[in-house]
Amino acid sequence: MSSMFKEKKFEQPVQFEFTEENLKKIPAILAKYPKKRSAVMPLLHLVQTQHNNWIPKVAMDYVARLLELPEMYVYEVASFYSMYNKQPVGDYLIQICRTTPCWLR
């Protein structure tokens, strides 16, 4: 395999906490949903916005503790949706549609 295709290593932070400003947003987010677990997606979005457009593992653990959910539940949501970046990305993110319904559009 060419060196051009080697996966780049990056460092995961050892700690994550929401900023004071983002902590103030959490009650309003939770109030929108009948169950806490439904707030996983907006909280992951908040993490990604705060953390330079990617979500580290410690932040997913933080969200799981905050919502009193198993960590795996948060990992599954973050992995399923392509809008969540689980590693650092550049200034511009180009995504190419690879599914038939998308091509038909």
C-alpha atoms as a PDB file:
ATOM      1  CA  MET A   1       0.000   0.000   0.000  1.00  0.00           C
ATOM      2  CA  SER A   2       1.290   3.413  -0.900  1.00  0.00           C
ATOM      3  CA  SER A   3       2.334   5.782   1.862  1.00  0.00           C
ATOM      4  CA  MET A   4      -0.211   8.207   0.421  1.00  0.00           C
ATOM      5  CA  PHE A   5      -3.043   6.061   1.806  1.00  0.00           C
ATOM      6  CA  LYS A   6      -1.717   5.490   5.322  1.00  0.00           C
ATOM      7  CA  GLU A   7      -4.099   6.528   8.029  1.00  0.00           C
ATOM      8  CA  LYS A   8      -2.919   9.571   9.925  1.00  0.00           C
ATOM      9  CA  LYS A   9      -2.591   9.208  13.667  1.00  0.00           C
ATOM     10  CA  PHE A  10      -4.112  11.844  15.897  1.00  0.00           C
ATOM     11  CA  GLU A  11      -4.232  12.284  19.625  1.00  0.00           C
ATOM     12  CA  GLN A  12      -7.419  11.908  21.561  1.00  0.00           C
ATOM     13  CA  PRO A  13      -7.765  14.422  24.399  1.00  0.00           C
ATOM     14  CA  VAL A  14      -7.790  12.972  27.909  1.00  0.00           C
ATOM     15  CA  GLN A  15     -10.550  15.238  29.195  1.00  0.00           C
ATOM     16  CA  PHE A  16     -13.619  17.054  27.887  1.00  0.00           C
ATOM     17  CA  GLU A  17     -16.116  19.407  29.489  1.00  0.00           C
ATOM     18  CA  PHE A  18     -18.623  21.801  28.006  1.00  0.00           C
ATOM     19  CA  THR A  19     -17.817  25.484  28.258  1.00  0.00           C
ATOM     20  CA  GLU A  20     -19.912  27.581  30.644  1.00  0.00           C
ATOM     21  CA  GLU A  21     -21.790  28.984  27.660  1.00  0.00           C
ATOM     22  CA  ASN A  22     -22.656  25.520  26.341  1.00  0.00           C
ATOM     23  CA  LEU A  23     -23.601  24.239  29.809  1.00  0.00           C
ATOM     24  CA  LYS A  24     -26.271  26.953  29.914  1.00  0.00           C
ATOM     25  CA  LYS A  25     -27.759  25.590  26.647  1.00  0.00           C
ATOM     26  CA  ILE A  26     -28.231  22.040  27.958  1.00  0.00           C
ATOM     27  CA  PRO A  27     -31.439  22.594  30.012  1.00  0.00           C
ATOM     28  CA  ALA A  28     -33.150  24.154  26.978  1.00  0.00           C
ATOM     29  CA  ILE A  29     -32.054  21.231  24.792  1.00  0.00           C
ATOM     30  CA  LEU A  30     -33.271  18.649  27.321  1.00  0.00           C
ATOM     31  CA  ALA A  31     -36.612  20.453  27.689  1.00  0.00           C
ATOM     32  CA  LYS A  32     -37.375  19.792  24.004  1.00  0.00           C
ATOM     33  CA  TYR A  33     -37.424  16.014  24.418  1.00  0.00           C
ATOM     34  CA  PRO A  34     -39.661  13.730  26.484  1.00  0.00           C
ATOM     35  CA  LYS A  35     -36.751  11.360  27.199  1.00  0.00           C
ATOM     36  CA  LYS A  36     -33.151  12.306  27.923  1.00  0.00           C
ATOM     37  CA  ARG A  37     -31.747   9.858  25.386  1.00  0.00           C
ATOM     38  CA  SER A  38     -33.441  11.780  22.586  1.00  0.00           C
ATOM     39  CA  ALA A  39     -31.055  14.677  23.251  1.00  0.00           C
ATOM     40  CA  VAL A  40     -27.988  12.686  22.162  1.00  0.00           C
ATOM     41  CA  MET A  41     -27.864  14.174  18.668  1.00  0.00           C
ATOM     42  CA  PRO A  42     -28.096  17.859  19.631  1.00  0.00           C
ATOM     43  CA  LEU A  43     -25.558  17.345  22.417  1.00  0.00           C
ATOM     44  CA  LEU A  44     -23.141  15.615  20.035  1.00  0.00           C
ATOM     45  CA  HIS A  45     -23.608  18.530  17.659  1.00  0.00           C
ATOM     46  CA  LEU A  46     -22.812  20.913  20.518  1.00  0.00           C
ATOM     47  CA  VAL A  47     -19.656  18.927  21.299  1.00  0.00           C
ATOM     48  CA  GLN A  48     -18.570  18.980  17.668  1.00  0.00           C
ATOM     49  CA  THR A  49     -19.138  22.725  17.443  1.00  0.00           C
ATOM     50  CA  GLN A  50     -17.132  23.334  20.604  1.00  0.00           C
ATOM     51  CA  HIS A  51     -14.304  20.925  19.766  1.00  0.00           C
ATOM     52  CA  ASN A  52     -13.041  22.153  16.388  1.00  0.00           C
ATOM     53  CA  ASN A  53     -15.534  20.175  14.272  1.00  0.00           C
ATOM     54  CA  TRP A  54     -14.867  16.682  15.620  1.00  0.00           C
ATOM     55  CA  ILE A  55     -16.031  14.553  18.558  1.00  0.00           C
ATOM     56  CA  PRO A  56     -13.385  12.829  20.678  1.00  0.00           C
ATOM     57  CA  LYS A  57     -14.160   9.617  22.564  1.00  0.00           C
ATOM     58  CA  VAL A  58     -13.962  11.333  25.969  1.00  0.00           C
ATOM     59  CA  ALA A  59     -16.645  13.764  24.813  1.00  0.00           C
ATOM     60  CA  MET A  60     -18.921  10.868  23.839  1.00  0.00           C
ATOM     61  CA  ASP A  61     -18.331   9.395  27.308  1.00  0.00           C
ATOM     62  CA  TYR A  62     -19.135  12.799  28.823  1.00  0.00           C
ATOM     63  CA  VAL A  63     -22.445  12.995  26.930  1.00  0.00           C
ATOM     64  CA  ALA A  64     -23.306   9.441  28.019  1.00  0.00           C
ATOM     65  CA  ARG A  65     -22.721  10.321  31.688  1.00  0.00           C
ATOM     66  CA  LEU A  66     -24.657  13.570  31.310  1.00  0.00           C
ATOM     67  CA  LEU A  67     -27.675  11.731  29.886  1.00  0.00           C
ATOM     68  CA  GLU A  68     -27.247   8.665  32.123  1.00  0.00           C
ATOM     69  CA  LEU A  69     -26.916   6.362  29.114  1.00  0.00           C
ATOM     70  CA  PRO A  70     -24.581   3.497  28.280  1.00  0.00           C
ATOM     71  CA  GLU A  71     -21.511   4.788  26.446  1.00  0.00           C
ATOM     72  CA  MET A  72     -22.180   2.353  23.603  1.00  0.00           C
ATOM     73  CA  TYR A  73     -25.500   4.051  22.828  1.00  0.00           C
ATOM     74  CA  VAL A  74     -23.724   7.365  22.221  1.00  0.00           C
ATOM     75  CA  TYR A  75     -20.973   5.651  20.168  1.00  0.00           C
ATOM     76  CA  GLU A  76     -23.628   4.031  17.978  1.00  0.00           C
ATOM     77  CA  VAL A  77     -25.362   7.334  17.265  1.00  0.00           C
ATOM     78  CA  ALA A  78     -22.071   9.112  16.520  1.00  0.00           C
ATOM     79  CA  SER A  79     -20.966   6.290  14.215  1.00  0.00           C
ATOM     80  CA  PHE A  80     -24.259   5.956  12.351  1.00  0.00           C
ATOM     81  CA  TYR A  81     -24.623   9.559  11.204  1.00  0.00           C
ATOM     82  CA  SER A  82     -22.076  10.902   8.726  1.00  0.00           C
ATOM     83  CA  MET A  83     -22.511  14.464  10.020  1.00  0.00           C
ATOM     84  CA  TYR A  84     -20.472  13.578  13.112  1.00  0.00           C
ATOM     85  CA  ASN A  85     -16.703  13.545  12.698  1.00  0.00           C
ATOM     86  CA  LYS A  86     -14.880  11.175  15.024  1.00  0.00           C
ATOM     87  CA  GLN A  87     -11.457  12.413  14.032  1.00  0.00           C
ATOM     88  CA  PRO A  88     -10.056  15.825  13.119  1.00  0.00           C
ATOM     89  CA  VAL A  89     -11.027  17.198   9.726  1.00  0.00           C
ATOM     90  CA  GLY A  90      -9.635  20.050   7.658  1.00  0.00           C
ATOM     91  CA  ASP A  91     -11.165  23.430   7.030  1.00  0.00           C
ATOM     92  CA  TYR A  92     -13.198  22.050   4.141  1.00  0.00           C
ATOM     93  CA  LEU A  93     -14.984  18.718   4.215  1.00  0.00           C
ATOM     94  CA  ILE A  94     -16.012  17.263   0.865  1.00  0.00           C
ATOM     95  CA  GLN A  95     -18.369  14.310   0.934  1.00  0.00           C
ATOM     96  CA  ILE A  96     -19.235  12.324  -2.145  1.00  0.00           C
ATOM     97  CA  CYS A  97     -22.587  10.657  -2.509  1.00  0.00           C
ATOM     98  CA  ARG A  98     -22.195   6.914  -3.096  1.00  0.00           C
ATOM     99  CA  THR A  99     -25.740   5.591  -2.867  1.00  0.00           C
ATOM    100  CA  THR A 100     -28.203   5.055  -5.706  1.00  0.00           C
ATOM    101  CA  PRO A 101     -30.964   7.313  -4.278  1.00  0.00           C
ATOM    102  CA  CYS A 102     -28.458  10.097  -3.902  1.00  0.00           C
ATOM    103  CA  TRP A 103     -27.150   9.654  -7.455  1.00  0.00           C
ATOM    104  CA  LEU A 104     -30.694   9.804  -8.792  1.00  0.00           C
ATOM    105  CA  ARG A 105     -31.188  13.209  -7.203  1.00  0.00           C
END
